[in-house]
Structures are given as structure tokens and as C-alpha cells.
Amino acid sequence: MPHLPVVSGDEVVKALRKIGYVWDHTEGSHMILYHTSRIRLTVPRHKEVSRGLLRAIIRDASLTPDQFTKLLKD
């Protein structure tokens, strides 16, 4: 299983926007994203997203960890 980088919530949103997710609104410290052909995602606006939560967000976005890591680098 590939090693996931330590990223902030803003970095997660920036990567997900590259595959078509759009910021919808913010509820407290959580950013809500939507995509027309995928489910809504909730990303915490924290300095560091825990690895378990990051893995769940990546899975819900129908990505592999490698694909997500590549989106971060692009």
C-alpha cells in the first residue's frame, strides 16, 4: 500500500478540483464539494488531514492513492 503524504484540507480540495469537484459551501470548518457524476465529499479545513480520513476521502472520490498523489504533484 503506498505511503500517503501529509496534506492540508486546502491541498486536498485543490487536488480534487483537478478532476471536476466543485466547492459548494462551507459548514463550520468543513468544505463541502460536489461532482455531477460522483458523491458529495466533506473535507475538513485543517492544517493536517489524518491519514485514515484522507484514505476515506480518496476512496469516496473513486481514486487510488497513486492517482491522488499524482494530482497533488500536477
C-alpha atoms as a PDB file:
ATOM      1  CA  MET A   1       0.000   0.000   0.000  1.00  0.00           C
ATOM      2  CA  PRO A   2       1.534   3.345  -0.998  1.00  0.00           C
ATOM      3  CA  HIS A   3       2.513   5.902   1.591  1.00  0.00           C
ATOM      4  CA  LEU A   4       0.143   8.872   1.693  1.00  0.00           C
ATOM      5  CA  PRO A   5       1.626  12.353   2.073  1.00  0.00           C
ATOM      6  CA  VAL A   6       0.687  14.681   4.916  1.00  0.00           C
ATOM      7  CA  VAL A   7      -1.576  17.324   3.368  1.00  0.00           C
ATOM      8  CA  SER A   8      -3.890  20.105   4.489  1.00  0.00           C
ATOM      9  CA  GLY A   9      -7.592  20.253   3.726  1.00  0.00           C
ATOM     10  CA  ASP A  10      -6.973  23.057   1.226  1.00  0.00           C
ATOM     11  CA  GLU A  11      -4.448  20.892  -0.631  1.00  0.00           C
ATOM     12  CA  VAL A  12      -6.963  18.042  -0.788  1.00  0.00           C
ATOM     13  CA  VAL A  13      -9.589  20.386  -2.269  1.00  0.00           C
ATOM     14  CA  LYS A  14      -7.090  21.762  -4.786  1.00  0.00           C
ATOM     15  CA  ALA A  15      -6.292  18.207  -5.969  1.00  0.00           C
ATOM     16  CA  LEU A  16      -9.962  17.184  -6.174  1.00  0.00           C
ATOM     17  CA  ARG A  17     -10.824  20.278  -8.214  1.00  0.00           C
ATOM     18  CA  LYS A  18      -8.494  18.959 -10.927  1.00  0.00           C
ATOM     19  CA  ILE A  19     -10.875  16.015 -11.505  1.00  0.00           C
ATOM     20  CA  GLY A  20     -14.036  18.090 -11.580  1.00  0.00           C
ATOM     21  CA  TYR A  21     -15.083  18.562  -7.952  1.00  0.00           C
ATOM     22  CA  VAL A  22     -16.517  21.997  -7.213  1.00  0.00           C
ATOM     23  CA  TRP A  23     -16.658  23.806  -3.875  1.00  0.00           C
ATOM     24  CA  ASP A  24     -20.316  24.087  -2.843  1.00  0.00           C
ATOM     25  CA  HIS A  25     -20.256  25.648   0.607  1.00  0.00           C
ATOM     26  CA  THR A  26     -18.583  25.600   3.999  1.00  0.00           C
ATOM     27  CA  GLU A  27     -20.189  24.368   7.205  1.00  0.00           C
ATOM     28  CA  GLY A  28     -18.063  25.439  10.147  1.00  0.00           C
ATOM     29  CA  SER A  29     -14.572  24.194   9.357  1.00  0.00           C
ATOM     30  CA  HIS A  30     -15.677  21.659   6.724  1.00  0.00           C
ATOM     31  CA  MET A  31     -15.697  22.294   2.980  1.00  0.00           C
ATOM     32  CA  ILE A  32     -18.437  20.564   1.004  1.00  0.00           C
ATOM     33  CA  LEU A  33     -17.561  19.579  -2.573  1.00  0.00           C
ATOM     34  CA  TYR A  34     -19.765  18.103  -5.241  1.00  0.00           C
ATOM     35  CA  HIS A  35     -19.306  16.455  -8.606  1.00  0.00           C
ATOM     36  CA  THR A  36     -22.114  15.810 -11.055  1.00  0.00           C
ATOM     37  CA  SER A  37     -21.285  12.117 -11.530  1.00  0.00           C
ATOM     38  CA  ARG A  38     -19.921  11.313  -8.048  1.00  0.00           C
ATOM     39  CA  ILE A  39     -20.959  11.672  -4.441  1.00  0.00           C
ATOM     40  CA  ARG A  40     -20.545  14.770  -2.278  1.00  0.00           C
ATOM     41  CA  LEU A  41     -17.369  14.973  -0.266  1.00  0.00           C
ATOM     42  CA  THR A  42     -16.715  16.717   3.008  1.00  0.00           C
ATOM     43  CA  VAL A  43     -13.149  17.855   3.601  1.00  0.00           C
ATOM     44  CA  PRO A  44     -12.079  19.371   6.924  1.00  0.00           C
ATOM     45  CA  ARG A  45     -10.246  22.661   6.651  1.00  0.00           C
ATOM     46  CA  HIS A  46      -7.411  21.575   8.920  1.00  0.00           C
ATOM     47  CA  LYS A  47      -3.678  22.104   8.621  1.00  0.00           C
ATOM     48  CA  GLU A  48      -3.255  18.345   8.510  1.00  0.00           C
ATOM     49  CA  VAL A  49      -5.836  15.769   7.404  1.00  0.00           C
ATOM     50  CA  SER A  50      -5.359  12.448   9.192  1.00  0.00           C
ATOM     51  CA  ARG A  51      -4.230   9.563   7.027  1.00  0.00           C
ATOM     52  CA  GLY A  52      -7.330   7.479   7.748  1.00  0.00           C
ATOM     53  CA  LEU A  53      -9.671  10.303   6.779  1.00  0.00           C
ATOM     54  CA  LEU A  54      -7.565  11.092   3.710  1.00  0.00           C
ATOM     55  CA  ARG A  55      -7.767   7.443   2.640  1.00  0.00           C
ATOM     56  CA  ALA A  56     -11.578   7.541   3.054  1.00  0.00           C
ATOM     57  CA  ILE A  57     -11.858  10.762   1.004  1.00  0.00           C
ATOM     58  CA  ILE A  58      -9.696   9.256  -1.744  1.00  0.00           C
ATOM     59  CA  ARG A  59     -11.829   6.091  -1.779  1.00  0.00           C
ATOM     60  CA  ASP A  60     -15.094   8.096  -1.869  1.00  0.00           C
ATOM     61  CA  ALA A  61     -13.717  10.108  -4.803  1.00  0.00           C
ATOM     62  CA  SER A  62     -13.134   6.796  -6.664  1.00  0.00           C
ATOM     63  CA  LEU A  63      -9.384   7.355  -6.816  1.00  0.00           C
ATOM     64  CA  THR A  64      -6.406   5.234  -5.905  1.00  0.00           C
ATOM     65  CA  PRO A  65      -3.752   6.641  -3.573  1.00  0.00           C
ATOM     66  CA  ASP A  66      -1.344   6.781  -6.515  1.00  0.00           C
ATOM     67  CA  GLN A  67      -3.802   8.783  -8.616  1.00  0.00           C
ATOM     68  CA  PHE A  68      -4.367  11.206  -5.730  1.00  0.00           C
ATOM     69  CA  THR A  69      -0.628  11.644  -5.170  1.00  0.00           C
ATOM     70  CA  LYS A  70      -0.189  12.414  -8.855  1.00  0.00           C
ATOM     71  CA  LEU A  71      -2.948  15.066  -8.662  1.00  0.00           C
ATOM     72  CA  LEU A  72      -1.062  16.716  -5.811  1.00  0.00           C
ATOM     73  CA  LYS A  73       2.091  16.938  -7.920  1.00  0.00           C
ATOM     74  CA  ASP A  74       0.429  18.219 -11.123  1.00  0.00           C
END
